[in-house]
């Protein structure tokens, strides 16, 4: 489990970092970057790696929490990661969306509830298929 989570973290962090660099290259082509900008990009990659490479796989594959607890933790970690990444990227953009943080949390929670519903339905089908194959 630890090895898988470490690999997930490395992959997600790397892909996020490359994605942000590509987006910055496309949308800010004449911008000079400073050394602190590089650290911010690495920080965003690290936040996303922790969230989507460690926390999400652990919660949905290994933890024994009840569904509402998983949904609550996922929502809080997701919102924190998004806001932290936004804060690292642009203080101005963060201040622009600051009044909308409560609706963002509510929408994220609704999204996690819907996602959990479909994920559990898919997982139950896979489990039923596996059990039926073993019975044959």
N, C-alpha and C. Protein backbone atom coordinates (compact mmCIF):
# COMPACT_ATOMS: atom_id res chain seq x y z
N UNK A 1 0.82 -1.19 0.00
CA UNK A 1 0.00 0.00 0.00
C UNK A 1 0.88 1.26 0.00
N UNK A 2 1.91 1.29 0.85
CA UNK A 2 2.76 2.47 0.94
C UNK A 2 3.45 2.73 -0.40
N UNK A 3 3.93 1.67 -1.02
CA UNK A 3 4.63 1.82 -2.31
C UNK A 3 3.67 2.36 -3.37
N UNK A 4 2.44 1.85 -3.38
CA UNK A 4 1.45 2.32 -4.36
C UNK A 4 1.11 3.79 -4.12
N UNK A 5 0.91 4.17 -2.87
CA UNK A 5 0.59 5.57 -2.56
C UNK A 5 1.76 6.49 -2.91
N UNK A 6 2.98 6.03 -2.67
CA UNK A 6 4.16 6.83 -3.02
C UNK A 6 4.24 7.03 -4.53
N UNK A 7 4.01 5.95 -5.28
CA UNK A 7 4.02 6.07 -6.74
C UNK A 7 2.91 6.98 -7.24
N UNK A 8 1.72 6.86 -6.65
CA UNK A 8 0.61 7.75 -7.02
C UNK A 8 0.99 9.21 -6.76
N UNK A 9 1.57 9.46 -5.59
CA UNK A 9 1.98 10.83 -5.24
C UNK A 9 2.97 11.38 -6.27
N UNK A 10 3.98 10.59 -6.61
CA UNK A 10 5.00 11.05 -7.56
C UNK A 10 4.39 11.33 -8.93
N UNK A 11 3.53 10.44 -9.39
CA UNK A 11 2.91 10.61 -10.71
C UNK A 11 2.01 11.84 -10.76
N UNK A 12 1.16 11.98 -9.76
CA UNK A 12 0.23 13.11 -9.75
C UNK A 12 0.99 14.42 -9.61
N UNK A 13 1.99 14.46 -8.74
CA UNK A 13 2.78 15.68 -8.57
C UNK A 13 3.48 16.07 -9.86
N UNK A 14 4.09 15.10 -10.52
CA UNK A 14 4.80 15.39 -11.76
C UNK A 14 3.85 15.87 -12.85
N UNK A 15 2.76 15.17 -13.05
CA UNK A 15 1.82 15.55 -14.10
C UNK A 15 1.21 16.92 -13.82
N UNK A 16 0.88 17.20 -12.57
CA UNK A 16 0.33 18.52 -12.22
C UNK A 16 1.34 19.62 -12.48
N UNK A 17 2.58 19.39 -12.09
CA UNK A 17 3.62 20.39 -12.30
C UNK A 17 3.82 20.67 -13.79
N UNK A 18 3.89 19.61 -14.59
CA UNK A 18 4.04 19.79 -16.04
C UNK A 18 2.82 20.51 -16.62
N UNK A 19 1.63 20.14 -16.16
CA UNK A 19 0.39 20.76 -16.64
C UNK A 19 0.38 22.26 -16.35
N UNK A 20 0.78 22.65 -15.16
CA UNK A 20 0.79 24.06 -14.80
C UNK A 20 1.83 24.81 -15.63
N UNK A 21 2.98 24.21 -15.83
CA UNK A 21 4.01 24.85 -16.66
C UNK A 21 3.51 25.02 -18.09
N UNK A 22 2.84 24.01 -18.63
CA UNK A 22 2.29 24.12 -19.99
C UNK A 22 1.22 25.21 -20.07
N UNK A 23 0.32 25.26 -19.09
CA UNK A 23 -0.70 26.30 -19.08
C UNK A 23 -0.07 27.69 -18.97
N UNK A 24 0.91 27.83 -18.12
CA UNK A 24 1.59 29.12 -17.97
C UNK A 24 2.31 29.49 -19.26
N UNK A 25 2.87 28.52 -19.94
CA UNK A 25 3.55 28.79 -21.21
C UNK A 25 2.57 29.27 -22.27
N UNK A 26 1.40 28.66 -22.30
CA UNK A 26 0.40 29.04 -23.31
C UNK A 26 -0.23 30.39 -22.99
N UNK A 27 -0.63 30.59 -21.74
CA UNK A 27 -1.38 31.80 -21.39
C UNK A 27 -0.52 32.97 -20.94
N UNK A 28 0.70 32.74 -20.58
CA UNK A 28 1.61 33.82 -20.15
C UNK A 28 2.94 33.69 -20.89
N UNK A 29 2.93 33.76 -22.22
CA UNK A 29 4.15 33.45 -22.97
C UNK A 29 5.30 34.44 -22.76
N UNK A 30 5.02 35.68 -22.49
CA UNK A 30 6.09 36.68 -22.35
C UNK A 30 6.44 36.98 -20.90
N UNK A 31 5.90 36.21 -19.98
CA UNK A 31 6.14 36.43 -18.56
C UNK A 31 7.49 35.86 -18.15
N UNK A 32 8.26 36.65 -17.45
CA UNK A 32 9.53 36.19 -16.89
C UNK A 32 9.23 35.50 -15.56
N UNK A 33 9.79 34.32 -15.36
CA UNK A 33 9.53 33.66 -14.08
C UNK A 33 10.72 33.86 -13.15
N UNK A 34 10.41 33.96 -11.89
CA UNK A 34 11.43 34.11 -10.87
C UNK A 34 11.54 32.80 -10.10
N UNK A 35 12.55 32.69 -9.30
CA UNK A 35 12.78 31.45 -8.57
C UNK A 35 11.61 31.11 -7.64
N UNK A 36 10.96 32.11 -7.04
CA UNK A 36 9.81 31.85 -6.17
C UNK A 36 8.62 31.28 -6.95
N UNK A 37 8.50 31.66 -8.22
CA UNK A 37 7.44 31.10 -9.05
C UNK A 37 7.64 29.59 -9.23
N UNK A 38 8.89 29.18 -9.37
CA UNK A 38 9.19 27.75 -9.50
C UNK A 38 8.79 27.00 -8.23
N UNK A 39 9.09 27.59 -7.08
CA UNK A 39 8.71 26.96 -5.82
C UNK A 39 7.20 26.90 -5.66
N UNK A 40 6.52 27.92 -6.12
CA UNK A 40 5.04 27.91 -6.05
C UNK A 40 4.47 26.79 -6.91
N UNK A 41 5.02 26.63 -8.11
CA UNK A 41 4.56 25.57 -9.01
C UNK A 41 4.81 24.21 -8.38
N UNK A 42 5.98 24.02 -7.79
CA UNK A 42 6.27 22.76 -7.10
C UNK A 42 5.34 22.56 -5.90
N UNK A 43 5.01 23.65 -5.21
CA UNK A 43 4.07 23.56 -4.09
C UNK A 43 2.69 23.13 -4.54
N UNK A 44 2.24 23.66 -5.66
CA UNK A 44 0.94 23.27 -6.21
C UNK A 44 0.96 21.80 -6.60
N UNK A 45 2.03 21.38 -7.25
CA UNK A 45 2.17 19.97 -7.62
C UNK A 45 2.16 19.06 -6.40
N UNK A 46 2.82 19.50 -5.34
CA UNK A 46 2.85 18.73 -4.10
C UNK A 46 1.47 18.65 -3.46
N UNK A 47 0.75 19.78 -3.43
CA UNK A 47 -0.62 19.76 -2.88
C UNK A 47 -1.51 18.77 -3.63
N UNK A 48 -1.45 18.83 -4.94
CA UNK A 48 -2.28 17.93 -5.75
C UNK A 48 -1.82 16.49 -5.60
N UNK A 49 -0.50 16.27 -5.48
CA UNK A 49 0.01 14.91 -5.26
C UNK A 49 -0.49 14.33 -3.95
N UNK A 50 -0.48 15.13 -2.90
CA UNK A 50 -0.97 14.66 -1.60
C UNK A 50 -2.47 14.37 -1.68
N UNK A 51 -3.21 15.29 -2.30
CA UNK A 51 -4.66 15.13 -2.34
C UNK A 51 -5.09 13.96 -3.21
N UNK A 52 -4.64 13.96 -4.47
CA UNK A 52 -5.14 12.97 -5.42
C UNK A 52 -4.26 11.74 -5.55
N UNK A 53 -3.06 11.79 -4.98
CA UNK A 53 -2.17 10.64 -5.05
C UNK A 53 -2.12 9.85 -3.76
N UNK A 54 -2.44 10.50 -2.64
CA UNK A 54 -2.38 9.81 -1.35
C UNK A 54 -3.75 9.77 -0.67
N UNK A 55 -4.34 10.94 -0.43
CA UNK A 55 -5.57 10.99 0.38
C UNK A 55 -6.73 10.27 -0.31
N UNK A 56 -7.00 10.61 -1.56
CA UNK A 56 -8.14 9.99 -2.25
C UNK A 56 -7.97 8.48 -2.38
N UNK A 57 -6.83 7.97 -2.90
CA UNK A 57 -6.70 6.51 -2.98
C UNK A 57 -6.79 5.83 -1.61
N UNK A 58 -6.23 6.45 -0.59
CA UNK A 58 -6.33 5.85 0.74
C UNK A 58 -7.78 5.80 1.22
N UNK A 59 -8.47 6.93 1.10
CA UNK A 59 -9.86 6.98 1.58
C UNK A 59 -10.76 5.98 0.88
N UNK A 60 -10.65 5.89 -0.44
CA UNK A 60 -11.61 5.10 -1.19
C UNK A 60 -11.17 3.66 -1.39
N UNK A 61 -9.88 3.33 -1.16
CA UNK A 61 -9.43 1.96 -1.37
C UNK A 61 -9.04 1.23 -0.09
N UNK A 62 -8.55 1.95 0.91
CA UNK A 62 -7.98 1.28 2.07
C UNK A 62 -8.66 1.62 3.40
N UNK A 63 -9.26 2.76 3.53
CA UNK A 63 -9.79 3.16 4.84
C UNK A 63 -11.06 2.38 5.16
N UNK A 64 -11.38 2.35 6.44
CA UNK A 64 -12.57 1.65 6.89
C UNK A 64 -13.61 2.62 7.45
N UNK A 65 -13.48 3.89 7.07
CA UNK A 65 -14.46 4.88 7.51
C UNK A 65 -15.79 4.64 6.81
N UNK A 66 -16.83 5.12 7.42
CA UNK A 66 -18.16 5.09 6.80
C UNK A 66 -18.20 6.10 5.65
N UNK A 67 -19.14 5.91 4.74
CA UNK A 67 -19.24 6.76 3.56
C UNK A 67 -19.37 8.25 3.89
N UNK A 68 -20.21 8.65 4.84
CA UNK A 68 -20.31 10.09 5.13
C UNK A 68 -18.98 10.70 5.60
N UNK A 69 -18.21 9.93 6.36
CA UNK A 69 -16.91 10.43 6.82
C UNK A 69 -15.96 10.58 5.63
N UNK A 70 -15.94 9.59 4.74
CA UNK A 70 -15.12 9.68 3.53
C UNK A 70 -15.50 10.90 2.69
N UNK A 71 -16.79 11.11 2.54
CA UNK A 71 -17.26 12.25 1.75
C UNK A 71 -16.85 13.56 2.40
N UNK A 72 -17.00 13.66 3.70
CA UNK A 72 -16.63 14.89 4.41
C UNK A 72 -15.12 15.15 4.31
N UNK A 73 -14.32 14.13 4.56
CA UNK A 73 -12.86 14.29 4.47
C UNK A 73 -12.46 14.65 3.05
N UNK A 74 -13.02 13.96 2.07
CA UNK A 74 -12.69 14.24 0.66
C UNK A 74 -13.04 15.68 0.30
N UNK A 75 -14.20 16.12 0.74
CA UNK A 75 -14.63 17.49 0.44
C UNK A 75 -13.69 18.51 1.05
N UNK A 76 -13.37 18.33 2.32
CA UNK A 76 -12.49 19.29 3.00
C UNK A 76 -11.09 19.30 2.40
N UNK A 77 -10.54 18.13 2.11
CA UNK A 77 -9.20 18.06 1.54
C UNK A 77 -9.21 18.64 0.12
N UNK A 78 -10.24 18.34 -0.65
CA UNK A 78 -10.33 18.84 -2.02
C UNK A 78 -10.42 20.36 -2.05
N UNK A 79 -11.28 20.92 -1.22
CA UNK A 79 -11.43 22.38 -1.18
C UNK A 79 -10.15 23.03 -0.67
N UNK A 80 -9.54 22.45 0.35
CA UNK A 80 -8.29 23.00 0.87
C UNK A 80 -7.19 22.97 -0.18
N UNK A 81 -7.10 21.88 -0.90
CA UNK A 81 -6.09 21.76 -1.96
C UNK A 81 -6.35 22.79 -3.06
N UNK A 82 -7.59 22.91 -3.48
CA UNK A 82 -7.92 23.87 -4.54
C UNK A 82 -7.64 25.30 -4.13
N UNK A 83 -8.06 25.65 -2.92
CA UNK A 83 -7.82 27.01 -2.45
C UNK A 83 -6.34 27.26 -2.19
N UNK A 84 -5.65 26.27 -1.66
CA UNK A 84 -4.21 26.41 -1.44
C UNK A 84 -3.45 26.56 -2.75
N UNK A 85 -3.83 25.76 -3.74
CA UNK A 85 -3.20 25.88 -5.06
C UNK A 85 -3.49 27.23 -5.70
N UNK A 86 -4.71 27.69 -5.55
CA UNK A 86 -5.08 28.99 -6.10
C UNK A 86 -4.33 30.11 -5.39
N UNK A 87 -4.20 30.00 -4.08
CA UNK A 87 -3.47 31.00 -3.31
C UNK A 87 -1.99 31.03 -3.72
N UNK A 88 -1.41 29.86 -3.96
CA UNK A 88 -0.02 29.81 -4.41
C UNK A 88 0.13 30.38 -5.81
N UNK A 89 -0.87 30.16 -6.65
CA UNK A 89 -0.79 30.63 -8.03
C UNK A 89 -1.00 32.13 -8.13
N UNK A 90 -2.06 32.65 -7.49
CA UNK A 90 -2.37 34.07 -7.62
C UNK A 90 -3.18 34.56 -6.43
N UNK A 91 -2.61 35.46 -5.67
CA UNK A 91 -3.32 36.04 -4.53
C UNK A 91 -4.54 36.84 -5.01
N UNK A 92 -4.41 37.52 -6.14
CA UNK A 92 -5.51 38.31 -6.69
C UNK A 92 -6.69 37.42 -7.05
N UNK A 93 -6.41 36.31 -7.71
CA UNK A 93 -7.48 35.38 -8.09
C UNK A 93 -8.13 34.76 -6.85
N UNK A 94 -7.32 34.45 -5.84
CA UNK A 94 -7.86 33.92 -4.59
C UNK A 94 -8.80 34.92 -3.94
N UNK A 95 -8.40 36.19 -3.89
CA UNK A 95 -9.24 37.22 -3.29
C UNK A 95 -10.53 37.42 -4.08
N UNK A 96 -10.46 37.19 -5.40
CA UNK A 96 -11.64 37.33 -6.24
C UNK A 96 -12.68 36.27 -5.91
N UNK A 97 -12.25 35.03 -5.64
CA UNK A 97 -13.22 33.97 -5.36
C UNK A 97 -13.51 33.79 -3.88
N UNK A 98 -12.82 34.50 -3.02
CA UNK A 98 -13.00 34.35 -1.57
C UNK A 98 -14.46 34.48 -1.12
N UNK A 99 -15.26 35.39 -1.67
CA UNK A 99 -16.66 35.47 -1.22
C UNK A 99 -17.49 34.23 -1.58
N UNK A 100 -16.99 33.39 -2.47
CA UNK A 100 -17.75 32.24 -2.96
C UNK A 100 -17.27 30.92 -2.34
N UNK A 101 -16.50 30.98 -1.27
CA UNK A 101 -15.94 29.76 -0.70
C UNK A 101 -17.04 28.83 -0.17
N UNK A 102 -18.04 29.35 0.49
CA UNK A 102 -19.13 28.51 1.03
C UNK A 102 -19.87 27.79 -0.10
N UNK A 103 -20.30 28.49 -1.18
CA UNK A 103 -20.93 27.75 -2.27
C UNK A 103 -20.00 26.72 -2.92
N UNK A 104 -18.70 27.03 -2.96
CA UNK A 104 -17.74 26.07 -3.51
C UNK A 104 -17.71 24.81 -2.65
N UNK A 105 -17.71 24.99 -1.34
CA UNK A 105 -17.71 23.83 -0.43
C UNK A 105 -18.98 23.01 -0.61
N UNK A 106 -20.11 23.68 -0.72
CA UNK A 106 -21.39 22.97 -0.89
C UNK A 106 -21.41 22.20 -2.20
N UNK A 107 -20.99 22.84 -3.31
CA UNK A 107 -20.96 22.15 -4.60
C UNK A 107 -19.98 20.99 -4.61
N UNK A 108 -18.85 21.17 -3.95
CA UNK A 108 -17.87 20.09 -3.87
C UNK A 108 -18.43 18.91 -3.08
N UNK A 109 -19.14 19.19 -2.01
CA UNK A 109 -19.76 18.13 -1.22
C UNK A 109 -20.81 17.38 -2.04
N UNK A 110 -21.64 18.12 -2.76
CA UNK A 110 -22.65 17.49 -3.62
C UNK A 110 -21.97 16.63 -4.68
N UNK A 111 -20.90 17.14 -5.25
CA UNK A 111 -20.16 16.36 -6.25
C UNK A 111 -19.58 15.09 -5.66
N UNK A 112 -19.08 15.16 -4.44
CA UNK A 112 -18.54 13.95 -3.82
C UNK A 112 -19.64 12.95 -3.48
N UNK A 113 -20.80 13.44 -3.09
CA UNK A 113 -21.92 12.53 -2.81
C UNK A 113 -22.33 11.81 -4.09
N UNK A 114 -22.47 12.55 -5.17
CA UNK A 114 -22.83 11.94 -6.46
C UNK A 114 -21.73 10.98 -6.92
N UNK A 115 -20.49 11.41 -6.81
CA UNK A 115 -19.36 10.55 -7.21
C UNK A 115 -19.31 9.28 -6.39
N UNK A 116 -19.56 9.38 -5.09
CA UNK A 116 -19.56 8.19 -4.25
C UNK A 116 -20.69 7.24 -4.65
N UNK A 117 -21.83 7.78 -4.98
CA UNK A 117 -22.96 6.95 -5.40
C UNK A 117 -22.58 6.12 -6.63
N UNK A 118 -22.02 6.77 -7.65
CA UNK A 118 -21.65 6.06 -8.87
C UNK A 118 -20.47 5.11 -8.63
N UNK A 119 -19.51 5.54 -7.80
CA UNK A 119 -18.36 4.69 -7.50
C UNK A 119 -18.79 3.43 -6.78
N UNK A 120 -19.66 3.55 -5.78
CA UNK A 120 -20.09 2.37 -5.04
C UNK A 120 -20.94 1.45 -5.91
N UNK A 121 -21.74 2.04 -6.79
CA UNK A 121 -22.54 1.23 -7.70
C UNK A 121 -21.63 0.44 -8.64
N UNK A 122 -20.61 1.10 -9.18
CA UNK A 122 -19.65 0.43 -10.06
C UNK A 122 -18.89 -0.65 -9.30
N UNK A 123 -18.43 -0.33 -8.10
CA UNK A 123 -17.67 -1.29 -7.29
C UNK A 123 -18.53 -2.51 -6.96
N UNK A 124 -19.80 -2.31 -6.65
CA UNK A 124 -20.70 -3.44 -6.35
C UNK A 124 -20.90 -4.32 -7.57
N UNK A 125 -21.01 -3.72 -8.75
CA UNK A 125 -21.15 -4.52 -9.98
C UNK A 125 -19.90 -5.36 -10.21
N UNK A 126 -18.72 -4.76 -10.00
CA UNK A 126 -17.46 -5.48 -10.21
C UNK A 126 -17.36 -6.63 -9.21
N UNK A 127 -17.73 -6.38 -7.97
CA UNK A 127 -17.68 -7.42 -6.95
C UNK A 127 -18.65 -8.55 -7.27
N UNK A 128 -19.86 -8.21 -7.71
CA UNK A 128 -20.85 -9.23 -8.09
C UNK A 128 -20.34 -10.05 -9.27
N UNK A 129 -19.72 -9.38 -10.24
CA UNK A 129 -19.19 -10.08 -11.40
C UNK A 129 -18.08 -11.05 -10.98
N UNK A 130 -17.22 -10.63 -10.09
CA UNK A 130 -16.13 -11.48 -9.60
C UNK A 130 -16.68 -12.68 -8.84
N UNK A 131 -17.67 -12.43 -7.98
CA UNK A 131 -18.25 -13.53 -7.22
C UNK A 131 -18.97 -14.52 -8.14
N UNK A 132 -19.65 -14.04 -9.15
CA UNK A 132 -20.34 -14.92 -10.10
C UNK A 132 -19.33 -15.75 -10.88
N UNK A 133 -18.19 -15.19 -11.21
CA UNK A 133 -17.16 -15.94 -11.93
C UNK A 133 -16.60 -17.05 -11.05
N UNK A 134 -16.47 -16.80 -9.75
CA UNK A 134 -15.95 -17.82 -8.84
C UNK A 134 -16.94 -18.93 -8.60
N UNK A 135 -18.23 -18.63 -8.72
CA UNK A 135 -19.26 -19.66 -8.52
C UNK A 135 -19.37 -20.60 -9.70
N UNK A 136 -18.95 -20.18 -10.87
CA UNK A 136 -19.07 -21.03 -12.07
C UNK A 136 -18.05 -22.10 -12.10
